[in-house]
C-alpha atoms as a PDB file:
ATOM      1  CA  MET A   1      -6.714  20.935   4.568  1.00  0.00           C
ATOM      2  CA  SER A   2      -5.303  19.143   1.544  1.00  0.00           C
ATOM      3  CA  ASP A   3      -6.989  19.815  -1.786  1.00  0.00           C
ATOM      4  CA  GLY A   4      -9.604  17.262  -2.750  1.00  0.00           C
ATOM      5  CA  MET A   5      -9.611  15.196   0.470  1.00  0.00           C
ATOM      6  CA  GLN A   6     -12.742  16.447   2.242  1.00  0.00           C
ATOM      7  CA  GLY A   7     -15.425  13.766   2.090  1.00  0.00           C
ATOM      8  CA  LYS A   8     -13.394  11.463  -0.137  1.00  0.00           C
ATOM      9  CA  ARG A   9     -13.926   7.733   0.445  1.00  0.00           C
ATOM     10  CA  ALA A  10     -10.744   5.718   1.013  1.00  0.00           C
ATOM     11  CA  ALA A  11      -9.817   2.070   1.550  1.00  0.00           C
ATOM     12  CA  ILE A  12      -6.431   1.032   2.927  1.00  0.00           C
ATOM     13  CA  THR A  13      -5.312  -2.591   2.883  1.00  0.00           C
ATOM     14  CA  GLY A  14      -3.329  -3.697   5.904  1.00  0.00           C
ATOM     15  CA  GLY A  15      -4.628  -0.566   7.568  1.00  0.00           C
ATOM     16  CA  ALA A  16      -4.845  -1.859  11.117  1.00  0.00           C
ATOM     17  CA  GLN A  17      -1.179  -1.251  11.948  1.00  0.00           C
ATOM     18  CA  GLY A  18       2.129   0.264  10.856  1.00  0.00           C
ATOM     19  CA  ILE A  19       2.281   2.224   7.623  1.00  0.00           C
ATOM     20  CA  GLY A  20      -1.364   1.569   6.797  1.00  0.00           C
ATOM     21  CA  TYR A  21      -2.533   2.906  10.156  1.00  0.00           C
ATOM     22  CA  ALA A  22      -0.402   6.061   9.768  1.00  0.00           C
ATOM     23  CA  ILE A  23      -1.886   6.637   6.312  1.00  0.00           C
ATOM     24  CA  ALA A  24      -5.389   6.151   7.682  1.00  0.00           C
ATOM     25  CA  ALA A  25      -4.774   8.710  10.432  1.00  0.00           C
ATOM     26  CA  LYS A  26      -3.421  11.218   7.914  1.00  0.00           C
ATOM     27  CA  LEU A  27      -6.320  10.861   5.478  1.00  0.00           C
ATOM     28  CA  LEU A  28      -8.832  11.121   8.315  1.00  0.00           C
ATOM     29  CA  SER A  29      -7.164  14.305   9.542  1.00  0.00           C
ATOM     30  CA  GLN A  30      -7.708  15.799   6.101  1.00  0.00           C
ATOM     31  CA  GLY A  31     -11.397  14.989   5.964  1.00  0.00           C
ATOM     32  CA  ALA A  32     -11.566  11.606   4.238  1.00  0.00           C
ATOM     33  CA  GLN A  33     -13.752   8.678   5.246  1.00  0.00           C
ATOM     34  CA  VAL A  34     -11.473   5.683   5.709  1.00  0.00           C
ATOM     35  CA  ALA A  35     -12.197   1.960   5.564  1.00  0.00           C
ATOM     36  CA  LEU A  36      -9.442  -0.244   6.922  1.00  0.00           C
ATOM     37  CA  TRP A  37      -9.242  -3.528   4.988  1.00  0.00           C
ATOM     38  CA  ASP A  38      -7.372  -6.040   7.126  1.00  0.00           C
ATOM     39  CA  ARG A  39      -7.522  -9.760   7.868  1.00  0.00           C
ATOM     40  CA  ASP A  40      -6.587  -9.386  11.558  1.00  0.00           C
ATOM     41  CA  GLU A  41     -10.005  -8.683  13.042  1.00  0.00           C
ATOM     42  CA  VAL A  42      -8.685  -8.060  16.574  1.00  0.00           C
ATOM     43  CA  LEU A  43      -6.201  -5.414  15.409  1.00  0.00           C
ATOM     44  CA  LEU A  44      -8.867  -4.064  13.067  1.00  0.00           C
ATOM     45  CA  ALA A  45     -11.292  -3.399  15.927  1.00  0.00           C
ATOM     46  CA  GLU A  46      -8.548  -1.776  18.003  1.00  0.00           C
ATOM     47  CA  ALA A  47      -7.450   0.455  15.128  1.00  0.00           C
ATOM     48  CA  VAL A  48     -10.964   1.637  14.309  1.00  0.00           C
ATOM     49  CA  ALA A  49     -11.616   2.443  17.975  1.00  0.00           C
ATOM     50  CA  SER A  50      -8.341   4.357  18.167  1.00  0.00           C
ATOM     51  CA  LEU A  51      -8.887   6.314  14.942  1.00  0.00           C
ATOM     52  CA  GLY A  52     -12.420   7.293  15.890  1.00  0.00           C
ATOM     53  CA  GLU A  53     -15.031   9.040  13.804  1.00  0.00           C
ATOM     54  CA  GLY A  54     -14.758   8.574  10.060  1.00  0.00           C
ATOM     55  CA  ALA A  55     -13.029   5.192  10.274  1.00  0.00           C
ATOM     56  CA  CYS A  56     -14.527   1.759   9.803  1.00  0.00           C
ATOM     57  CA  GLY A  57     -13.110  -1.741   9.504  1.00  0.00           C
ATOM     58  CA  VAL A  58     -13.763  -4.462   6.959  1.00  0.00           C
ATOM     59  CA  ALA A  59     -12.356  -7.982   7.259  1.00  0.00           C
ATOM     60  CA  VAL A  60     -10.447  -8.526   4.016  1.00  0.00           C
ATOM     61  CA  ASP A  61      -7.879 -11.100   2.970  1.00  0.00           C
ATOM     62  CA  VAL A  62      -6.114  -9.623  -0.056  1.00  0.00           C
ATOM     63  CA  THR A  63      -5.341 -13.110  -1.366  1.00  0.00           C
ATOM     64  CA  ASP A  64      -9.078 -13.846  -1.562  1.00  0.00           C
ATOM     65  CA  PRO A  65     -10.853 -12.014  -4.413  1.00  0.00           C
ATOM     66  CA  ASP A  66     -14.242 -12.876  -2.905  1.00  0.00           C
ATOM     67  CA  THR A  67     -13.599 -10.948   0.317  1.00  0.00           C
ATOM     68  CA  ILE A  68     -12.273  -8.034  -1.754  1.00  0.00           C
ATOM     69  CA  ALA A  69     -15.406  -8.040  -3.909  1.00  0.00           C
ATOM     70  CA  ALA A  70     -17.539  -8.043  -0.759  1.00  0.00           C
ATOM     71  CA  ALA A  71     -15.596  -5.056   0.620  1.00  0.00           C
ATOM     72  CA  VAL A  72     -16.081  -3.141  -2.633  1.00  0.00           C
ATOM     73  CA  ASP A  73     -19.805  -3.918  -2.565  1.00  0.00           C
ATOM     74  CA  GLU A  74     -19.970  -2.658   1.012  1.00  0.00           C
ATOM     75  CA  ALA A  75     -18.210   0.575   0.002  1.00  0.00           C
ATOM     76  CA  LYS A  76     -20.743   1.101  -2.764  1.00  0.00           C
ATOM     77  CA  ARG A  77     -23.654   0.320  -0.467  1.00  0.00           C
ATOM     78  CA  THR A  78     -22.588   2.359   2.563  1.00  0.00           C
ATOM     79  CA  ALA A  79     -20.591   5.199   1.012  1.00  0.00           C
ATOM     80  CA  GLY A  80     -21.832   5.258  -2.566  1.00  0.00           C
ATOM     81  CA  GLY A  81     -18.431   4.479  -4.078  1.00  0.00           C
ATOM     82  CA  LEU A  82     -14.698   4.605  -3.515  1.00  0.00           C
ATOM     83  CA  ASP A  83     -12.322   7.440  -4.376  1.00  0.00           C
ATOM     84  CA  ILE A  84      -9.009   6.250  -2.939  1.00  0.00           C
ATOM     85  CA  LEU A  85      -7.357   2.835  -2.702  1.00  0.00           C
ATOM     86  CA  VAL A  86      -4.054   2.413  -0.911  1.00  0.00           C
ATOM     87  CA  ASN A  87      -2.569  -1.047  -1.425  1.00  0.00           C
ATOM     88  CA  ASN A  88      -0.400  -1.397   1.643  1.00  0.00           C
ATOM     89  CA  ALA A  89      -0.845  -4.967   2.938  1.00  0.00           C
ATOM     90  CA  GLY A  90       2.344  -6.996   2.759  1.00  0.00           C
ATOM     91  CA  ILE A  91       4.760  -9.370   4.457  1.00  0.00           C
ATOM     92  CA  ALA A  92       8.550  -9.614   4.416  1.00  0.00           C
ATOM     93  CA  GLY A  93       8.861 -13.350   3.899  1.00  0.00           C
ATOM     94  CA  ALA A  94      11.847 -15.509   4.705  1.00  0.00           C
ATOM     95  CA  ALA A  95      15.359 -14.029   4.719  1.00  0.00           C
ATOM     96  CA  VAL A  96      17.295 -16.809   2.976  1.00  0.00           C
ATOM     97  CA  PRO A  97      19.191 -17.227  -0.312  1.00  0.00           C
ATOM     98  CA  VAL A  98      17.307 -18.146  -3.476  1.00  0.00           C
ATOM     99  CA  ARG A  99      18.761 -21.663  -3.504  1.00  0.00           C
ATOM    100  CA  ASP A 100      17.235 -22.336  -0.071  1.00  0.00           C
ATOM    101  CA  TYR A 101      14.020 -20.376  -0.477  1.00  0.00           C
ATOM    102  CA  PRO A 102      11.013 -22.556   0.488  1.00  0.00           C
ATOM    103  CA  LEU A 103       8.575 -22.926  -2.409  1.00  0.00           C
ATOM    104  CA  ASP A 104       5.507 -22.469  -0.231  1.00  0.00           C
ATOM    105  CA  GLU A 105       6.979 -19.310   1.280  1.00  0.00           C
ATOM    106  CA  TRP A 106       7.729 -17.915  -2.201  1.00  0.00           C
ATOM    107  CA  ARG A 107       4.112 -18.468  -3.228  1.00  0.00           C
ATOM    108  CA  ARG A 108       2.827 -16.902   0.011  1.00  0.00           C
ATOM    109  CA  VAL A 109       4.864 -13.719  -0.383  1.00  0.00           C
ATOM    110  CA  ILE A 110       3.975 -13.300  -4.051  1.00  0.00           C
ATOM    111  CA  ASP A 111       0.302 -13.954  -3.314  1.00  0.00           C
ATOM    112  CA  ILE A 112       0.066 -11.302  -0.602  1.00  0.00           C
ATOM    113  CA  ASP A 113       2.537  -8.681  -1.846  1.00  0.00           C
ATOM    114  CA  LEU A 114       1.818  -8.801  -5.593  1.00  0.00           C
ATOM    115  CA  ASN A 115      -1.313 -10.792  -6.379  1.00  0.00           C
ATOM    116  CA  GLY A 116      -3.160  -9.021  -3.574  1.00  0.00           C
ATOM    117  CA  VAL A 117      -2.438  -5.641  -5.162  1.00  0.00           C
ATOM    118  CA  PHE A 118      -3.672  -6.936  -8.522  1.00  0.00           C
ATOM    119  CA  TYR A 119      -6.858  -8.387  -7.023  1.00  0.00           C
ATOM    120  CA  CYS A 120      -7.693  -5.125  -5.236  1.00  0.00           C
ATOM    121  CA  CYS A 121      -6.968  -2.965  -8.288  1.00  0.00           C
ATOM    122  CA  ARG A 122      -8.998  -5.250 -10.504  1.00  0.00           C
ATOM    123  CA  ALA A 123     -11.996  -5.003  -8.162  1.00  0.00           C
ATOM    124  CA  VAL A 124     -11.824  -1.256  -7.572  1.00  0.00           C
ATOM    125  CA  VAL A 125     -11.022   0.068 -11.051  1.00  0.00           C
ATOM    126  CA  PRO A 126     -14.565  -0.449 -12.451  1.00  0.00           C
ATOM    127  CA  VAL A 127     -15.999   1.630  -9.594  1.00  0.00           C
ATOM    128  CA  MET A 128     -13.519   4.457 -10.096  1.00  0.00           C
ATOM    129  CA  ALA A 129     -13.831   4.357 -13.888  1.00  0.00           C
ATOM    130  CA  ALA A 130     -17.613   4.586 -13.651  1.00  0.00           C
ATOM    131  CA  GLN A 131     -17.368   7.761 -11.569  1.00  0.00           C
ATOM    132  CA  ASP A 132     -14.419   9.001 -13.703  1.00  0.00           C
ATOM    133  CA  TYR A 133     -12.396   9.740 -10.606  1.00  0.00           C
ATOM    134  CA  GLY A 134     -10.017   7.807  -8.413  1.00  0.00           C
ATOM    135  CA  ARG A 135      -6.613   7.659  -6.823  1.00  0.00           C
ATOM    136  CA  ILE A 136      -4.749   4.361  -6.417  1.00  0.00           C
ATOM    137  CA  VAL A 137      -1.509   4.375  -4.442  1.00  0.00           C
ATOM    138  CA  ASN A 138       0.514   1.168  -4.261  1.00  0.00           C
ATOM    139  CA  ILE A 139       3.111   0.723  -1.538  1.00  0.00           C
ATOM    140  CA  ALA A 140       6.099  -0.871  -3.268  1.00  0.00           C
ATOM    141  CA  SER A 141       9.641  -0.770  -1.849  1.00  0.00           C
ATOM    142  CA  ILE A 142      13.185   0.256  -2.633  1.00  0.00           C
ATOM    143  CA  ALA A 143      13.774  -3.517  -2.713  1.00  0.00           C
ATOM    144  CA  GLY A 144      11.660  -3.586  -5.869  1.00  0.00           C
ATOM    145  CA  LYS A 145      14.162  -1.289  -7.553  1.00  0.00           C
ATOM    146  CA  GLU A 146      17.428  -2.679  -6.242  1.00  0.00           C
ATOM    147  CA  GLY A 147      16.694  -6.219  -5.054  1.00  0.00           C
ATOM    148  CA  ASN A 148      17.770  -7.025  -1.509  1.00  0.00           C
ATOM    149  CA  PRO A 149      19.927 -10.132  -1.039  1.00  0.00           C
ATOM    150  CA  ASN A 150      18.201 -12.945   0.865  1.00  0.00           C
ATOM    151  CA  ALA A 151      14.834 -11.292   0.178  1.00  0.00           C
ATOM    152  CA  SER A 152      14.157 -12.527  -3.350  1.00  0.00           C
ATOM    153  CA  ALA A 153      10.410 -13.091  -3.025  1.00  0.00           C
ATOM    154  CA  TYR A 154       9.789  -9.713  -1.410  1.00  0.00           C
ATOM    155  CA  SER A 155      12.026  -7.915  -3.914  1.00  0.00           C
ATOM    156  CA  ALA A 156      10.403  -9.674  -6.875  1.00  0.00           C
ATOM    157  CA  ALA A 157       6.901  -8.960  -5.595  1.00  0.00           C
ATOM    158  CA  LYS A 158       7.633  -5.277  -5.085  1.00  0.00           C
ATOM    159  CA  ALA A 159       9.231  -5.029  -8.539  1.00  0.00           C
ATOM    160  CA  GLY A 160       6.000  -6.513  -9.845  1.00  0.00           C
ATOM    161  CA  VAL A 161       3.990  -3.870  -7.998  1.00  0.00           C
ATOM    162  CA  ILE A 162       6.044  -1.168  -9.710  1.00  0.00           C
ATOM    163  CA  ALA A 163       5.399  -2.664 -13.158  1.00  0.00           C
ATOM    164  CA  LEU A 164       1.705  -3.199 -12.392  1.00  0.00           C
ATOM    165  CA  THR A 165       1.441   0.447 -11.364  1.00  0.00           C
ATOM    166  CA  LYS A 166       2.992   1.596 -14.634  1.00  0.00           C
ATOM    167  CA  SER A 167       0.721  -0.635 -16.723  1.00  0.00           C
ATOM    168  CA  LEU A 168      -2.482   0.348 -14.945  1.00  0.00           C
ATOM    169  CA  GLY A 169      -1.562   4.024 -14.910  1.00  0.00           C
ATOM    170  CA  LYS A 170      -1.181   3.971 -18.695  1.00  0.00           C
ATOM    171  CA  GLU A 171      -4.437   2.048 -19.144  1.00  0.00           C
ATOM    172  CA  LEU A 172      -6.355   4.697 -17.191  1.00  0.00           C
ATOM    173  CA  ALA A 173      -4.452   7.794 -18.281  1.00  0.00           C
ATOM    174  CA  ASP A 174      -7.355   9.080 -20.389  1.00  0.00           C
ATOM    175  CA  THR A 175      -9.740   8.855 -17.424  1.00  0.00           C
ATOM    176  CA  GLY A 176      -9.962  10.678 -14.116  1.00  0.00           C
ATOM    177  CA  VAL A 177      -8.196   7.828 -12.314  1.00  0.00           C
ATOM    178  CA  ARG A 178      -4.545   8.215 -11.297  1.00  0.00           C
ATOM    179  CA  VAL A 179      -2.333   5.268 -10.315  1.00  0.00           C
ATOM    180  CA  ASN A 180       1.035   5.736  -8.650  1.00  0.00           C
ATOM    181  CA  CYS A 181       3.345   3.898  -6.280  1.00  0.00           C
ATOM    182  CA  ILE A 182       5.965   4.769  -3.714  1.00  0.00           C
ATOM    183  CA  THR A 183       9.259   3.011  -2.982  1.00  0.00           C
ATOM    184  CA  PRO A 184      10.081   3.531   0.678  1.00  0.00           C
ATOM    185  CA  ALA A 185      13.154   2.411   2.507  1.00  0.00           C
ATOM    186  CA  ALA A 186      12.399   0.274   5.543  1.00  0.00           C
ATOM    187  CA  ALA A 187      10.291   1.681   8.364  1.00  0.00           C
ATOM    188  CA  LYS A 188      10.296   0.415  11.944  1.00  0.00           C
ATOM    189  CA  THR A 189       7.021  -1.471  12.026  1.00  0.00           C
ATOM    190  CA  ARG A 190       5.965  -4.978  13.080  1.00  0.00           C
ATOM    191  CA  ILE A 191       7.313  -6.258   9.759  1.00  0.00           C
ATOM    192  CA  PHE A 192      10.721  -6.066  11.472  1.00  0.00           C
ATOM    193  CA  ASP A 193       9.568  -8.972  13.642  1.00  0.00           C
ATOM    194  CA  GLN A 194       9.643 -11.118  10.494  1.00  0.00           C
ATOM    195  CA  ILE A 195      13.251 -10.453   9.528  1.00  0.00           C
ATOM    196  CA  THR A 196      16.687 -11.007  11.048  1.00  0.00           C
ATOM    197  CA  GLU A 197      18.740  -8.375  12.835  1.00  0.00           C
ATOM    198  CA  GLU A 198      21.429  -8.926  10.185  1.00  0.00           C
ATOM    199  CA  HIS A 199      18.983  -8.019   7.412  1.00  0.00           C
ATOM    200  CA  ILE A 200      17.769  -4.968   9.345  1.00  0.00           C
ATOM    201  CA  ASP A 201      21.369  -3.774   9.725  1.00  0.00           C
ATOM    202  CA  TYR A 202      21.955  -4.343   6.003  1.00  0.00           C
ATOM    203  CA  MET A 203      18.968  -2.188   5.066  1.00  0.00           C
ATOM    204  CA  LEU A 204      20.016   0.610   7.404  1.00  0.00           C
ATOM    205  CA  SER A 205      23.567   0.574   6.035  1.00  0.00           C
ATOM    206  CA  LYS A 206      22.237   1.341   2.554  1.00  0.00           C
ATOM    207  CA  ILE A 207      20.375   4.520   3.556  1.00  0.00           C
ATOM    208  CA  PRO A 208      22.577   7.636   3.161  1.00  0.00           C
ATOM    209  CA  MET A 209      20.497   9.556   5.726  1.00  0.00           C
ATOM    210  CA  GLY A 210      21.463   6.907   8.270  1.00  0.00           C
ATOM    211  CA  ARG A 211      17.975   6.271   9.612  1.00  0.00           C
ATOM    212  CA  PHE A 212      14.789   4.429   8.747  1.00  0.00           C
ATOM    213  CA  VAL A 213      11.844   6.279   7.229  1.00  0.00           C
ATOM    214  CA  LYS A 214       9.086   7.317   9.626  1.00  0.00           C
ATOM    215  CA  VAL A 215       5.589   6.023   8.922  1.00  0.00           C
ATOM    216  CA  GLU A 216       4.321   9.602   9.213  1.00  0.00           C
ATOM    217  CA  GLU A 217       6.663  10.652   6.393  1.00  0.00           C
ATOM    218  CA  ILE A 218       5.260   7.923   4.166  1.00  0.00           C
ATOM    219  CA  ALA A 219       1.733   9.029   5.062  1.00  0.00           C
ATOM    220  CA  GLU A 220       2.464  12.592   3.966  1.00  0.00           C
ATOM    221  CA  LEU A 221       3.504  11.456   0.491  1.00  0.00           C
ATOM    222  CA  VAL A 222       0.579   9.070   0.154  1.00  0.00           C
ATOM    223  CA  ALA A 223      -1.835  11.839   1.184  1.00  0.00           C
ATOM    224  CA  TRP A 224      -0.702  14.022  -1.704  1.00  0.00           C
ATOM    225  CA  LEU A 225      -0.857  11.142  -4.174  1.00  0.00           C
ATOM    226  CA  SER A 226      -4.395  10.448  -2.902  1.00  0.00           C
ATOM    227  CA  SER A 227      -5.598  14.008  -3.398  1.00  0.00           C
ATOM    228  CA  GLU A 228      -7.132  15.920  -6.279  1.00  0.00           C
ATOM    229  CA  ALA A 229      -3.912  17.942  -6.389  1.00  0.00           C
ATOM    230  CA  CYS A 230      -2.160  14.911  -7.866  1.00  0.00           C
ATOM    231  CA  ALA A 231      -3.687  15.428 -11.282  1.00  0.00           C
ATOM    232  CA  PHE A 232      -0.859  15.054 -13.814  1.00  0.00           C
ATOM    233  CA  SER A 233       1.159  12.201 -12.336  1.00  0.00           C
ATOM    234  CA  THR A 234       0.186   8.636 -13.155  1.00  0.00           C
ATOM    235  CA  GLY A 235       1.997   5.351 -13.666  1.00  0.00           C
ATOM    236  CA  ALA A 236       4.818   6.929 -11.689  1.00  0.00           C
ATOM    237  CA  VAL A 237       7.191   5.805  -8.946  1.00  0.00           C
ATOM    238  CA  PHE A 238       7.861   8.188  -6.071  1.00  0.00           C
ATOM    239  CA  ASP A 239      11.014   7.625  -4.036  1.00  0.00           C
ATOM    240  CA  ILE A 240      11.090   7.951  -0.273  1.00  0.00           C
ATOM    241  CA  SER A 241      14.284   6.088   0.573  1.00  0.00           C
ATOM    242  CA  GLY A 242      16.489   8.600   2.363  1.00  0.00           C
ATOM    243  CA  GLY A 243      18.784   8.927  -0.637  1.00  0.00           C
ATOM    244  CA  ARG A 244      19.230   5.215  -1.295  1.00  0.00           C
ATOM    245  CA  ALA A 245      17.506   5.141  -4.695  1.00  0.00           C
ATOM    246  CA  THR A 246      19.704   5.897  -7.667  1.00  0.00           C
ATOM    247  CA  TYR A 247      16.848   6.072 -10.214  1.00  0.00           C
END
């Protein structure tokens, strides 16, 4: 069992499917209690039933600070606090050049992929600071480092997540709260349904290992970053891009 995971209380945004679900399964296997925060209530119920004991679901829209505040209050009421937050919820957005990018779509991607991370961190930090312990793991992307063509909103949002992680990690460095992010290459999840085959082929062509990352591989890294063992890393960016990242 991983150090510091037994009995820890975790929340995972977008946890009802894909990467979030894999992370939930991993943390549960190591003894954590896991709340899935997701706006898709049908998928949420299915995921909780599949994960079994130790998992619960909370209807949360990460673009709505009120539903986030309610989820934090529920965590305090039912579990006594929150030790781990994984900000995973996100969308790909349109795959078009900047000059053609719809304004409403830009705002939607930024609101979910960047503002949502900020809203959740803002709501959870007081709880973790009060108990002088916490682990926040933000799921960014290699696109946030390199910028993918025809994915400007997604790339910009993920770059923002990286910078937010660095800022918050420094703010909390003298506490027991650690804040880190990961920059995965693409994984085969339902987010692929949102993007073109041409863009999928482009992303694969950039990965030296010649394959997409597995959600289970992402979960392994997140589990360590969520544990007590991750004690001296904060405000940091952890690569999991199959060799694509150059910094």
